Amino acid sequence: MHHDQYPAMDLDRTDSEAGMAQDFEIGVCDESFHVYARIIMRGADGVRRIESDLAEMGYRSVTIGTSAQLRGCDLLMVREAVQPTVALG
C-alpha cells in the first residue's frame, strides 16, 4: 500500500531491524470508505498487532485501490459488510 505523500509501509522488517521505530497512521472506515478513526502506531510490530485485532472485530485491510481510498493513511481498515443470517426453524 502506498500513498503519494507517504513512504510505502514495510511490515516485513521488525522494529529492531529497522533501527528506529517509524510511525504509521491507520485509518478505520465504514463500507463507504468514510474514515471515522485514525490511529498512530509506532513501529511495524504494533501495526501488525492492531491489524490482527481489528480483523477479529470484522475489519479487513484495503490492499488495492487508489490513493484517494487510502485517505492519507499508511493502512486503511474497512468494516466488512454484515451478511444477513438465515434463521432455521
PDB file of N, CA and C in Angstrom:
ATOM      1  N   MET A   1       0.840  -1.170   0.000  1.00  0.00           N
ATOM      2  CA  MET A   1       0.000   0.000   0.000  1.00  0.00           C
ATOM      3  C   MET A   1       0.881   1.228   0.000  1.00  0.00           C
ATOM      4  N   HIS A   2       0.565   2.157  -0.831  1.00  0.00           N
ATOM      5  CA  HIS A   2       1.415   3.323  -0.956  1.00  0.00           C
ATOM      6  C   HIS A   2       0.550   4.550  -1.179  1.00  0.00           C
ATOM      7  N   HIS A   3       0.841   5.585  -0.449  1.00  0.00           N
ATOM      8  CA  HIS A   3       0.151   6.851  -0.634  1.00  0.00           C
ATOM      9  C   HIS A   3       1.144   7.819  -1.241  1.00  0.00           C
ATOM     10  N   ASP A   4       0.669   8.723  -2.067  1.00  0.00           N
ATOM     11  CA  ASP A   4       1.563   9.623  -2.785  1.00  0.00           C
ATOM     12  C   ASP A   4       2.464  10.433  -1.865  1.00  0.00           C
ATOM     13  N   GLN A   5       2.005  10.763  -0.652  1.00  0.00           N
ATOM     14  CA  GLN A   5       2.788  11.604   0.249  1.00  0.00           C
ATOM     15  C   GLN A   5       3.540  10.816   1.301  1.00  0.00           C
ATOM     16  N   TYR A   6       3.341   9.527   1.383  1.00  0.00           N
ATOM     17  CA  TYR A   6       3.936   8.726   2.436  1.00  0.00           C
ATOM     18  C   TYR A   6       4.759   7.603   1.835  1.00  0.00           C
ATOM     19  N   PRO A   7       5.825   7.192   2.528  1.00  0.00           N
ATOM     20  CA  PRO A   7       6.588   6.046   2.027  1.00  0.00           C
ATOM     21  C   PRO A   7       5.765   4.773   2.166  1.00  0.00           C
ATOM     22  N   ALA A   8       6.055   3.786   1.339  1.00  0.00           N
ATOM     23  CA  ALA A   8       5.357   2.505   1.435  1.00  0.00           C
ATOM     24  C   ALA A   8       5.643   1.885   2.794  1.00  0.00           C
ATOM     25  N   MET A   9       4.641   1.267   3.365  1.00  0.00           N
ATOM     26  CA  MET A   9       4.781   0.657   4.675  1.00  0.00           C
ATOM     27  C   MET A   9       5.504  -0.667   4.526  1.00  0.00           C
ATOM     28  N   ASP A  10       6.586  -0.854   5.256  1.00  0.00           N
ATOM     29  CA  ASP A  10       7.374  -2.078   5.193  1.00  0.00           C
ATOM     30  C   ASP A  10       7.144  -2.864   6.474  1.00  0.00           C
ATOM     31  N   LEU A  11       6.225  -3.832   6.423  1.00  0.00           N
ATOM     32  CA  LEU A  11       5.928  -4.647   7.585  1.00  0.00           C
ATOM     33  C   LEU A  11       6.753  -5.923   7.615  1.00  0.00           C
ATOM     34  N   ASP A  12       7.659  -6.101   6.663  1.00  0.00           N
ATOM     35  CA  ASP A  12       8.463  -7.308   6.614  1.00  0.00           C
ATOM     36  C   ASP A  12       9.654  -7.265   7.564  1.00  0.00           C
ATOM     37  N   ARG A  13       9.974  -6.080   8.056  1.00  0.00           N
ATOM     38  CA  ARG A  13      11.089  -5.957   8.986  1.00  0.00           C
ATOM     39  C   ARG A  13      10.542  -5.753  10.391  1.00  0.00           C
ATOM     40  N   THR A  14      11.262  -6.270  11.388  1.00  0.00           N
ATOM     41  CA  THR A  14      10.883  -5.988  12.765  1.00  0.00           C
ATOM     42  C   THR A  14      11.395  -4.600  13.113  1.00  0.00           C
ATOM     43  N   ASP A  15      10.879  -4.034  14.203  1.00  0.00           N
ATOM     44  CA  ASP A  15      11.312  -2.702  14.609  1.00  0.00           C
ATOM     45  C   ASP A  15      12.815  -2.650  14.881  1.00  0.00           C
ATOM     46  N   SER A  16      13.372  -3.718  15.460  1.00  0.00           N
ATOM     47  CA  SER A  16      14.805  -3.716  15.746  1.00  0.00           C
ATOM     48  C   SER A  16      15.630  -3.738  14.462  1.00  0.00           C
ATOM     49  N   GLU A  17      15.134  -4.425  13.432  1.00  0.00           N
ATOM     50  CA  GLU A  17      15.833  -4.446  12.151  1.00  0.00           C
ATOM     51  C   GLU A  17      15.754  -3.092  11.454  1.00  0.00           C
ATOM     52  N   ALA A  18      14.692  -2.371  11.685  1.00  0.00           N
ATOM     53  CA  ALA A  18      14.517  -1.074  11.054  1.00  0.00           C
ATOM     54  C   ALA A  18      15.377  -0.007  11.725  1.00  0.00           C
ATOM     55  N   GLY A  19      15.948  -0.332  12.886  1.00  0.00           N
ATOM     56  CA  GLY A  19      16.787   0.631  13.592  1.00  0.00           C
ATOM     57  C   GLY A  19      15.961   1.478  14.526  1.00  0.00           C
ATOM     58  N   MET A  20      15.174   2.367  14.001  1.00  0.00           N
ATOM     59  CA  MET A  20      14.327   3.226  14.817  1.00  0.00           C
ATOM     60  C   MET A  20      12.880   3.008  14.391  1.00  0.00           C
ATOM     61  N   ALA A  21      11.999   2.859  15.375  1.00  0.00           N
ATOM     62  CA  ALA A  21      10.594   2.599  15.052  1.00  0.00           C
ATOM     63  C   ALA A  21       9.983   3.787  14.325  1.00  0.00           C
ATOM     64  N   GLN A  22       9.273   3.499  13.270  1.00  0.00           N
ATOM     65  CA  GLN A  22       8.612   4.505  12.435  1.00  0.00           C
ATOM     66  C   GLN A  22       7.149   4.605  12.857  1.00  0.00           C
ATOM     67  N   ASP A  23       6.555   5.785  12.714  1.00  0.00           N
ATOM     68  CA  ASP A  23       5.134   5.966  12.978  1.00  0.00           C
ATOM     69  C   ASP A  23       4.331   5.632  11.728  1.00  0.00           C
ATOM     70  N   PHE A  24       3.202   4.956  11.920  1.00  0.00           N
ATOM     71  CA  PHE A  24       2.276   4.625  10.846  1.00  0.00           C
ATOM     72  C   PHE A  24       0.903   5.135  11.236  1.00  0.00           C
ATOM     73  N   GLU A  25       0.179   5.688  10.267  1.00  0.00           N
ATOM     74  CA  GLU A  25      -1.177   6.133  10.517  1.00  0.00           C
ATOM     75  C   GLU A  25      -2.143   5.106   9.949  1.00  0.00           C
ATOM     76  N   ILE A  26      -3.023   4.607  10.817  1.00  0.00           N
ATOM     77  CA  ILE A  26      -4.006   3.613  10.433  1.00  0.00           C
ATOM     78  C   ILE A  26      -5.370   4.289  10.441  1.00  0.00           C
ATOM     79  N   GLY A  27      -6.090   4.174   9.346  1.00  0.00           N
ATOM     80  CA  GLY A  27      -7.443   4.702   9.270  1.00  0.00           C
ATOM     81  C   GLY A  27      -8.440   3.571   9.416  1.00  0.00           C
ATOM     82  N   VAL A  28      -9.522   3.830  10.156  1.00  0.00           N
ATOM     83  CA  VAL A  28     -10.600   2.858  10.318  1.00  0.00           C
ATOM     84  C   VAL A  28     -11.832   3.473   9.679  1.00  0.00           C
ATOM     85  N   CYS A  29     -12.441   2.746   8.737  1.00  0.00           N
ATOM     86  CA  CYS A  29     -13.559   3.332   7.997  1.00  0.00           C
ATOM     87  C   CYS A  29     -14.711   2.347   7.848  1.00  0.00           C
ATOM     88  N   ASP A  30     -15.843   2.903   7.413  1.00  0.00           N
ATOM     89  CA  ASP A  30     -17.018   2.074   7.151  1.00  0.00           C
ATOM     90  C   ASP A  30     -16.955   1.544   5.721  1.00  0.00           C
ATOM     91  N   GLU A  31     -18.006   0.838   5.319  1.00  0.00           N
ATOM     92  CA  GLU A  31     -18.043   0.218   3.990  1.00  0.00           C
ATOM     93  C   GLU A  31     -17.972   1.228   2.860  1.00  0.00           C
ATOM     94  N   SER A  32     -18.332   2.493   3.139  1.00  0.00           N
ATOM     95  CA  SER A  32     -18.296   3.557   2.129  1.00  0.00           C
ATOM     96  C   SER A  32     -16.968   4.311   2.137  1.00  0.00           C
ATOM     97  N   PHE A  33     -15.994   3.815   2.872  1.00  0.00           N
ATOM     98  CA  PHE A  33     -14.660   4.399   2.991  1.00  0.00           C
ATOM     99  C   PHE A  33     -14.679   5.773   3.656  1.00  0.00           C
ATOM    100  N   HIS A  34     -15.635   6.001   4.566  1.00  0.00           N
ATOM    101  CA  HIS A  34     -15.626   7.215   5.382  1.00  0.00           C
ATOM    102  C   HIS A  34     -14.814   6.918   6.643  1.00  0.00           C
ATOM    103  N   VAL A  35     -13.655   7.554   6.758  1.00  0.00           N
ATOM    104  CA  VAL A  35     -12.773   7.317   7.895  1.00  0.00           C
ATOM    105  C   VAL A  35     -13.385   7.955   9.134  1.00  0.00           C
ATOM    106  N   TYR A  36     -13.586   7.149  10.175  1.00  0.00           N
ATOM    107  CA  TYR A  36     -14.129   7.678  11.415  1.00  0.00           C
ATOM    108  C   TYR A  36     -13.156   7.576  12.577  1.00  0.00           C
ATOM    109  N   ALA A  37     -11.996   6.993  12.366  1.00  0.00           N
ATOM    110  CA  ALA A  37     -10.967   6.945  13.407  1.00  0.00           C
ATOM    111  C   ALA A  37      -9.600   6.858  12.745  1.00  0.00           C
ATOM    112  N   ARG A  38      -8.645   7.516  13.354  1.00  0.00           N
ATOM    113  CA  ARG A  38      -7.244   7.430  12.918  1.00  0.00           C
ATOM    114  C   ARG A  38      -6.410   7.036  14.127  1.00  0.00           C
ATOM    115  N   ILE A  39      -5.536   6.081  13.912  1.00  0.00           N
ATOM    116  CA  ILE A  39      -4.687   5.560  14.981  1.00  0.00           C
ATOM    117  C   ILE A  39      -3.248   5.723  14.544  1.00  0.00           C
ATOM    118  N   ILE A  40      -2.422   6.306  15.385  1.00  0.00           N
ATOM    119  CA  ILE A  40      -0.989   6.408  15.112  1.00  0.00           C
ATOM    120  C   ILE A  40      -0.294   5.303  15.901  1.00  0.00           C
ATOM    121  N   MET A  41       0.402   4.445  15.188  1.00  0.00           N
ATOM    122  CA  MET A  41       1.139   3.344  15.819  1.00  0.00           C
ATOM    123  C   MET A  41       2.619   3.530  15.548  1.00  0.00           C
ATOM    124  N   ARG A  42       3.421   3.281  16.559  1.00  0.00           N
ATOM    125  CA  ARG A  42       4.866   3.348  16.398  1.00  0.00           C
ATOM    126  C   ARG A  42       5.382   1.956  16.089  1.00  0.00           C
ATOM    127  N   GLY A  43       5.944   1.801  14.919  1.00  0.00           N
ATOM    128  CA  GLY A  43       6.596   0.556  14.544  1.00  0.00           C
ATOM    129  C   GLY A  43       5.691  -0.466  13.888  1.00  0.00           C
ATOM    130  N   ALA A  44       6.308  -1.281  13.050  1.00  0.00           N
ATOM    131  CA  ALA A  44       5.587  -2.285  12.270  1.00  0.00           C
ATOM    132  C   ALA A  44       4.979  -3.367  13.149  1.00  0.00           C
ATOM    133  N   ASP A  45       5.619  -3.712  14.267  1.00  0.00           N
ATOM    134  CA  ASP A  45       5.068  -4.741  15.147  1.00  0.00           C
ATOM    135  C   ASP A  45       3.718  -4.310  15.703  1.00  0.00           C
ATOM    136  N   GLY A  46       3.604  -3.052  16.103  1.00  0.00           N
ATOM    137  CA  GLY A  46       2.336  -2.530  16.606  1.00  0.00           C
ATOM    138  C   GLY A  46       1.261  -2.521  15.537  1.00  0.00           C
ATOM    139  N   VAL A  47       1.647  -2.192  14.312  1.00  0.00           N
ATOM    140  CA  VAL A  47       0.697  -2.177  13.197  1.00  0.00           C
ATOM    141  C   VAL A  47       0.167  -3.575  12.957  1.00  0.00           C
ATOM    142  N   ARG A  48       1.047  -4.566  12.964  1.00  0.00           N
ATOM    143  CA  ARG A  48       0.606  -5.953  12.752  1.00  0.00           C
ATOM    144  C   ARG A  48      -0.365  -6.386  13.847  1.00  0.00           C
ATOM    145  N   ARG A  49      -0.088  -6.006  15.089  1.00  0.00           N
ATOM    146  CA  ARG A  49      -0.965  -6.395  16.198  1.00  0.00           C
ATOM    147  C   ARG A  49      -2.346  -5.757  16.064  1.00  0.00           C
ATOM    148  N   ILE A  50      -2.387  -4.454  15.779  1.00  0.00           N
ATOM    149  CA  ILE A  50      -3.700  -3.795  15.685  1.00  0.00           C
ATOM    150  C   ILE A  50      -4.461  -4.260  14.455  1.00  0.00           C
ATOM    151  N   GLU A  51      -3.750  -4.551  13.369  1.00  0.00           N
ATOM    152  CA  GLU A  51      -4.418  -5.086  12.172  1.00  0.00           C
ATOM    153  C   GLU A  51      -5.070  -6.430  12.504  1.00  0.00           C
ATOM    154  N   SER A  52      -4.381  -7.268  13.251  1.00  0.00           N
ATOM    155  CA  SER A  52      -4.923  -8.562  13.657  1.00  0.00           C
ATOM    156  C   SER A  52      -6.123  -8.386  14.589  1.00  0.00           C
ATOM    157  N   ASP A  53      -6.010  -7.466  15.549  1.00  0.00           N
ATOM    158  CA  ASP A  53      -7.119  -7.216  16.476  1.00  0.00           C
ATOM    159  C   ASP A  53      -8.350  -6.707  15.744  1.00  0.00           C
ATOM    160  N   LEU A  54      -8.153  -5.776  14.810  1.00  0.00           N
ATOM    161  CA  LEU A  54      -9.279  -5.245  14.050  1.00  0.00           C
ATOM    162  C   LEU A  54      -9.898  -6.321  13.150  1.00  0.00           C
ATOM    163  N   ALA A  55      -9.080  -7.214  12.618  1.00  0.00           N
ATOM    164  CA  ALA A  55      -9.596  -8.305  11.787  1.00  0.00           C
ATOM    165  C   ALA A  55     -10.528  -9.199  12.603  1.00  0.00           C
ATOM    166  N   GLU A  56     -10.192  -9.421  13.864  1.00  0.00           N
ATOM    167  CA  GLU A  56     -11.054 -10.226  14.731  1.00  0.00           C
ATOM    168  C   GLU A  56     -12.394  -9.534  15.000  1.00  0.00           C
ATOM    169  N   MET A  57     -12.438  -8.209  14.826  1.00  0.00           N
ATOM    170  CA  MET A  57     -13.671  -7.447  15.038  1.00  0.00           C
ATOM    171  C   MET A  57     -14.430  -7.202  13.737  1.00  0.00           C
ATOM    172  N   GLY A  58     -14.021  -7.859  12.643  1.00  0.00           N
ATOM    173  CA  GLY A  58     -14.762  -7.766  11.395  1.00  0.00           C
ATOM    174  C   GLY A  58     -14.239  -6.739  10.410  1.00  0.00           C
ATOM    175  N   TYR A  59     -12.998  -6.306  10.563  1.00  0.00           N
ATOM    176  CA  TYR A  59     -12.400  -5.366   9.622  1.00  0.00           C
ATOM    177  C   TYR A  59     -11.386  -6.093   8.763  1.00  0.00           C
ATOM    178  N   ARG A  60     -11.150  -5.559   7.567  1.00  0.00           N
ATOM    179  CA  ARG A  60     -10.107  -6.104   6.694  1.00  0.00           C
ATOM    180  C   ARG A  60      -9.284  -4.928   6.181  1.00  0.00           C
ATOM    181  N   SER A  61      -8.057  -5.210   5.849  1.00  0.00           N
ATOM    182  CA  SER A  61      -7.210  -4.135   5.329  1.00  0.00           C
ATOM    183  C   SER A  61      -7.474  -3.950   3.841  1.00  0.00           C
ATOM    184  N   VAL A  62      -7.389  -2.710   3.405  1.00  0.00           N
ATOM    185  CA  VAL A  62      -7.515  -2.391   1.992  1.00  0.00           C
ATOM    186  C   VAL A  62      -6.126  -2.554   1.400  1.00  0.00           C
ATOM    187  N   THR A  63      -5.997  -3.480   0.467  1.00  0.00           N
ATOM    188  CA  THR A  63      -4.680  -3.732  -0.095  1.00  0.00           C
ATOM    189  C   THR A  63      -4.569  -3.271  -1.534  1.00  0.00           C
ATOM    190  N   ILE A  64      -5.714  -2.997  -2.168  1.00  0.00           N
ATOM    191  CA  ILE A  64      -5.673  -2.472  -3.521  1.00  0.00           C
ATOM    192  C   ILE A  64      -6.546  -1.233  -3.571  1.00  0.00           C
ATOM    193  N   GLY A  65      -6.289  -0.370  -4.496  1.00  0.00           N
ATOM    194  CA  GLY A  65      -7.110   0.821  -4.636  1.00  0.00           C
ATOM    195  C   GLY A  65      -6.261   2.040  -4.888  1.00  0.00           C
ATOM    196  N   THR A  66      -6.926   3.146  -4.936  1.00  0.00           N
ATOM    197  CA  THR A  66      -6.254   4.396  -5.249  1.00  0.00           C
ATOM    198  C   THR A  66      -5.791   5.091  -3.986  1.00  0.00           C
ATOM    199  N   SER A  67      -4.958   6.093  -4.143  1.00  0.00           N
ATOM    200  CA  SER A  67      -4.521   6.898  -3.000  1.00  0.00           C
ATOM    201  C   SER A  67      -5.713   7.560  -2.328  1.00  0.00           C
ATOM    202  N   ALA A  68      -6.727   7.920  -3.104  1.00  0.00           N
ATOM    203  CA  ALA A  68      -7.925   8.540  -2.527  1.00  0.00           C
ATOM    204  C   ALA A  68      -8.617   7.582  -1.568  1.00  0.00           C
ATOM    205  N   GLN A  69      -8.612   6.294  -1.886  1.00  0.00           N
ATOM    206  CA  GLN A  69      -9.235   5.320  -0.993  1.00  0.00           C
ATOM    207  C   GLN A  69      -8.464   5.202   0.312  1.00  0.00           C
ATOM    208  N   LEU A  70      -7.157   5.403   0.268  1.00  0.00           N
ATOM    209  CA  LEU A  70      -6.360   5.291   1.493  1.00  0.00           C
ATOM    210  C   LEU A  70      -6.554   6.490   2.413  1.00  0.00           C
ATOM    211  N   ARG A  71      -7.110   7.563   1.905  1.00  0.00           N
ATOM    212  CA  ARG A  71      -7.466   8.738   2.710  1.00  0.00           C
ATOM    213  C   ARG A  71      -6.309   9.262   3.558  1.00  0.00           C
ATOM    214  N   GLY A  72      -5.114   9.214   2.992  1.00  0.00           N
ATOM    215  CA  GLY A  72      -3.959   9.765   3.704  1.00  0.00           C
ATOM    216  C   GLY A  72      -3.388   8.863   4.771  1.00  0.00           C
ATOM    217  N   CYS A  73      -3.766   7.593   4.780  1.00  0.00           N
ATOM    218  CA  CYS A  73      -3.298   6.651   5.797  1.00  0.00           C
ATOM    219  C   CYS A  73      -2.276   5.689   5.200  1.00  0.00           C
ATOM    220  N   ASP A  74      -1.417   5.175   6.062  1.00  0.00           N
ATOM    221  CA  ASP A  74      -0.490   4.136   5.624  1.00  0.00           C
ATOM    222  C   ASP A  74      -1.208   2.794   5.484  1.00  0.00           C
ATOM    223  N   LEU A  75      -2.227   2.587   6.316  1.00  0.00           N
ATOM    224  CA  LEU A  75      -3.026   1.366   6.285  1.00  0.00           C
ATOM    225  C   LEU A  75      -4.473   1.768   6.518  1.00  0.00           C
ATOM    226  N   LEU A  76      -5.381   1.231   5.715  1.00  0.00           N
ATOM    227  CA  LEU A  76      -6.792   1.534   5.867  1.00  0.00           C
ATOM    228  C   LEU A  76      -7.534   0.235   6.168  1.00  0.00           C
ATOM    229  N   MET A  77      -8.248   0.229   7.283  1.00  0.00           N
ATOM    230  CA  MET A  77      -9.045  -0.922   7.699  1.00  0.00           C
ATOM    231  C   MET A  77     -10.507  -0.590   7.457  1.00  0.00           C
ATOM    232  N   VAL A  78     -11.192  -1.454   6.711  1.00  0.00           N
ATOM    233  CA  VAL A  78     -12.586  -1.206   6.354  1.00  0.00           C
ATOM    234  C   VAL A  78     -13.469  -2.268   7.007  1.00  0.00           C
ATOM    235  N   ARG A  79     -14.598  -1.815   7.497  1.00  0.00           N
ATOM    236  CA  ARG A  79     -15.567  -2.732   8.115  1.00  0.00           C
ATOM    237  C   ARG A  79     -16.177  -3.578   7.016  1.00  0.00           C
ATOM    238  N   GLU A  80     -16.161  -4.889   7.191  1.00  0.00           N
ATOM    239  CA  GLU A  80     -16.772  -5.769   6.203  1.00  0.00           C
ATOM    240  C   GLU A  80     -18.286  -5.726   6.353  1.00  0.00           C
ATOM    241  N   ALA A  81     -18.963  -5.774   5.227  1.00  0.00           N
ATOM    242  CA  ALA A  81     -20.422  -5.736   5.238  1.00  0.00           C
ATOM    243  C   ALA A  81     -20.968  -6.937   6.006  1.00  0.00           C
ATOM    244  N   VAL A  82     -21.991  -6.681   6.795  1.00  0.00           N
ATOM    245  CA  VAL A  82     -22.609  -7.751   7.586  1.00  0.00           C
ATOM    246  C   VAL A  82     -23.478  -8.598   6.669  1.00  0.00           C
ATOM    247  N   GLN A  83     -23.274  -9.878   6.719  1.00  0.00           N
ATOM    248  CA  GLN A  83     -24.066 -10.794   5.909  1.00  0.00           C
ATOM    249  C   GLN A  83     -25.304 -11.195   6.702  1.00  0.00           C
ATOM    250  N   PRO A  84     -26.489 -11.100   6.092  1.00  0.00           N
ATOM    251  CA  PRO A  84     -27.699 -11.496   6.827  1.00  0.00           C
ATOM    252  C   PRO A  84     -27.669 -12.977   7.143  1.00  0.00           C
ATOM    253  N   THR A  85     -28.173 -13.301   8.303  1.00  0.00           N
ATOM    254  CA  THR A  85     -28.222 -14.717   8.693  1.00  0.00           C
ATOM    255  C   THR A  85     -29.619 -15.251   8.441  1.00  0.00           C
ATOM    256  N   VAL A  86     -29.695 -16.512   8.195  1.00  0.00           N
ATOM    257  CA  VAL A  86     -30.971 -17.168   7.950  1.00  0.00           C
ATOM    258  C   VAL A  86     -31.326 -17.965   9.188  1.00  0.00           C
ATOM    259  N   ALA A  87     -32.487 -17.709   9.739  1.00  0.00           N
ATOM    260  CA  ALA A  87     -32.935 -18.446  10.921  1.00  0.00           C
ATOM    261  C   ALA A  87     -33.590 -19.754  10.476  1.00  0.00           C
ATOM    262  N   LEU A  88     -33.114 -20.828  11.030  1.00  0.00           N
ATOM    263  CA  LEU A  88     -33.694 -22.130  10.730  1.00  0.00           C
ATOM    264  C   LEU A  88     -34.711 -22.479  11.830  1.00  0.00           C
ATOM    265  N   GLY A  89     -35.813 -22.941  11.413  1.00  0.00           N
ATOM    266  CA  GLY A  89     -36.686 -23.354  12.486  1.00  0.00           C
ATOM    267  C   GLY A  89     -38.074 -23.248  12.167  1.00  0.00           C
TER     268      GLY A  89
END
